[in-house]
C-alpha atoms as a PDB file:
ATOM      1  CA  MET A   1       0.835  -7.298  -2.378  1.00  0.00           C
ATOM      2  CA  GLU A   2      -1.560  -9.112  -4.225  1.00  0.00           C
ATOM      3  CA  GLY A   3      -2.850  -6.024  -6.026  1.00  0.00           C
ATOM      4  CA  LEU A   4       0.217  -5.458  -7.583  1.00  0.00           C
ATOM      5  CA  VAL A   5       0.927  -8.948  -8.826  1.00  0.00           C
ATOM      6  CA  LYS A   6      -2.469  -8.824 -10.441  1.00  0.00           C
ATOM      7  CA  GLU A   7      -1.254  -5.757 -11.996  1.00  0.00           C
ATOM      8  CA  TYR A   8       1.887  -7.004 -13.207  1.00  0.00           C
ATOM      9  CA  ALA A   9       0.172  -9.916 -14.758  1.00  0.00           C
ATOM     10  CA  ASN A  10      -2.174  -7.678 -16.648  1.00  0.00           C
ATOM     11  CA  PHE A  11       0.506  -5.784 -17.968  1.00  0.00           C
ATOM     12  CA  LEU A  12       2.606  -8.824 -19.293  1.00  0.00           C
ATOM     13  CA  ASN A  13      -0.804 -10.170 -21.030  1.00  0.00           C
ATOM     14  CA  ASP A  14      -0.565  -6.867 -22.935  1.00  0.00           C
ATOM     15  CA  ASP A  15      -0.028  -8.589 -26.681  1.00  0.00           C
ATOM     16  CA  LYS A  16       0.199  -5.006 -28.130  1.00  0.00           C
ATOM     17  CA  LYS A  17       3.760  -4.306 -26.369  1.00  0.00           C
ATOM     18  CA  PRO A  18       7.052  -5.859 -27.413  1.00  0.00           C
ATOM     19  CA  VAL A  19       8.346  -8.039 -24.588  1.00  0.00           C
ATOM     20  CA  SER A  20      11.571  -6.509 -24.107  1.00  0.00           C
ATOM     21  CA  GLU A  21       9.371  -3.434 -23.589  1.00  0.00           C
ATOM     22  CA  LYS A  22       7.544  -5.138 -20.811  1.00  0.00           C
ATOM     23  CA  PHE A  23      10.435  -6.389 -19.243  1.00  0.00           C
ATOM     24  CA  TRP A  24      12.094  -3.228 -18.894  1.00  0.00           C
ATOM     25  CA  GLU A  25       9.109  -1.273 -17.791  1.00  0.00           C
ATOM     26  CA  LEU A  26       7.830  -4.185 -15.228  1.00  0.00           C
ATOM     27  CA  GLU A  27      11.856  -4.339 -13.590  1.00  0.00           C
ATOM     28  CA  LYS A  28      11.053  -0.396 -13.196  1.00  0.00           C
ATOM     29  CA  ARG A  29       8.023  -0.637 -11.649  1.00  0.00           C
ATOM     30  CA  ILE A  30       9.173  -3.615  -9.672  1.00  0.00           C
ATOM     31  CA  LYS A  31      11.761  -1.403  -8.425  1.00  0.00           C
ATOM     32  CA  GLU A  32       9.692   1.766  -7.663  1.00  0.00           C
ATOM     33  CA  ASP A  33       7.009  -0.813  -5.849  1.00  0.00           C
ATOM     34  CA  LYS A  34       9.181  -2.048  -3.717  1.00  0.00           C
ATOM     35  CA  ARG A  35       9.127   1.490  -1.582  1.00  0.00           C
ATOM     36  CA  HIS A  36       5.619   0.941  -1.645  1.00  0.00           C
ATOM     37  CA  PRO A  37       4.433   1.080   2.416  1.00  0.00           C
ATOM     38  CA  GLY A  38       2.044  -2.178   1.142  1.00  0.00           C
ATOM     39  CA  VAL A  39       5.322  -4.174   0.409  1.00  0.00           C
ATOM     40  CA  VAL A  40       7.645  -2.906   3.225  1.00  0.00           C
ATOM     41  CA  MET A  41       8.024   0.161   5.742  1.00  0.00           C
ATOM     42  CA  GLU A  42      10.202   1.006   8.350  1.00  0.00           C
ATOM     43  CA  LEU A  43       8.307   0.940  12.026  1.00  0.00           C
ATOM     44  CA  LYS A  44       8.689   3.426  14.850  1.00  0.00           C
ATOM     45  CA  LYS A  45       6.620   3.181  17.979  1.00  0.00           C
ATOM     46  CA  SER A  46       6.417   6.637  17.646  1.00  0.00           C
ATOM     47  CA  GLU A  47       5.252   6.623  14.829  1.00  0.00           C
ATOM     48  CA  VAL A  48       2.537   4.191  14.381  1.00  0.00           C
ATOM     49  CA  ILE A  49      -0.548   5.597  14.529  1.00  0.00           C
ATOM     50  CA  TRP A  50       0.610   8.083  11.578  1.00  0.00           C
ATOM     51  CA  ASP A  51       1.768   4.938   9.645  1.00  0.00           C
ATOM     52  CA  ILE A  52      -1.670   3.309  10.621  1.00  0.00           C
ATOM     53  CA  VAL A  53      -3.327   6.508   8.835  1.00  0.00           C
ATOM     54  CA  ARG A  54      -0.951   6.339   6.063  1.00  0.00           C
ATOM     55  CA  LEU A  55      -1.741   2.683   5.130  1.00  0.00           C
ATOM     56  CA  ILE A  56      -5.583   3.066   5.336  1.00  0.00           C
ATOM     57  CA  ARG A  57      -4.837   6.041   3.026  1.00  0.00           C
ATOM     58  CA  LEU A  58      -2.926   3.987   0.741  1.00  0.00           C
ATOM     59  CA  LYS A  59      -5.831   1.218   1.113  1.00  0.00           C
ATOM     60  CA  VAL A  60      -3.239  -1.292   2.081  1.00  0.00           C
ATOM     61  CA  ILE A  61      -5.452  -1.702   5.151  1.00  0.00           C
ATOM     62  CA  THR A  62      -9.097  -0.856   6.113  1.00  0.00           C
ATOM     63  CA  TYR A  63     -10.064   0.645   8.809  1.00  0.00           C
ATOM     64  CA  ASN A  64     -11.922  -2.566   9.950  1.00  0.00           C
ATOM     65  CA  ASP A  65      -8.784  -4.090  10.204  1.00  0.00           C
ATOM     66  CA  LEU A  66      -8.178  -2.100  13.364  1.00  0.00           C
ATOM     67  CA  SER A  67     -11.031  -3.805  15.489  1.00  0.00           C
ATOM     68  CA  ASP A  68      -8.598  -6.213  17.295  1.00  0.00           C
ATOM     69  CA  PHE A  69      -6.964  -3.082  18.424  1.00  0.00           C
ATOM     70  CA  SER A  70      -7.625  -0.987  21.542  1.00  0.00           C
ATOM     71  CA  ASP A  71     -10.788   1.754  21.311  1.00  0.00           C
ATOM     72  CA  GLU A  72      -8.088   4.828  21.971  1.00  0.00           C
ATOM     73  CA  LEU A  73      -5.979   3.440  18.615  1.00  0.00           C
ATOM     74  CA  GLN A  74      -8.943   3.184  17.053  1.00  0.00           C
ATOM     75  CA  ASN A  75     -10.635   6.486  18.153  1.00  0.00           C
ATOM     76  CA  GLU A  76      -7.197   8.371  17.545  1.00  0.00           C
ATOM     77  CA  VAL A  77      -6.330   7.045  14.246  1.00  0.00           C
ATOM     78  CA  LYS A  78     -10.478   8.020  13.025  1.00  0.00           C
ATOM     79  CA  ARG A  79     -10.072  11.337  14.032  1.00  0.00           C
ATOM     80  CA  ILE A  80      -7.128  11.765  12.113  1.00  0.00           C
ATOM     81  CA  LEU A  81      -8.611  10.347   9.157  1.00  0.00           C
ATOM     82  CA  GLU A  82     -11.856  12.584   9.931  1.00  0.00           C
ATOM     83  CA  MET A  83      -9.616  15.862  10.058  1.00  0.00           C
ATOM     84  CA  SER A  84      -7.855  15.211   7.016  1.00  0.00           C
ATOM     85  CA  ARG A  85     -11.177  14.729   4.884  1.00  0.00           C
END
């Protein structure tokens, strides 16, 4: 979410666009970004590996964030990530 807030701030600081345009564009972006997995995500235990892979691909988390998880989970996530390269 921190990255999104920085993007919003940069967008709002653009003096080349009228205030009304910035307001409506920001509203549209927030509405779209609410669905981003870094903001909100519905999780199911049966899909956790795929959710983690998705979060890594979207750069919401990094592979290093999995250091406290089991070696088995880390290896499976790594295998899936390597398969899709």
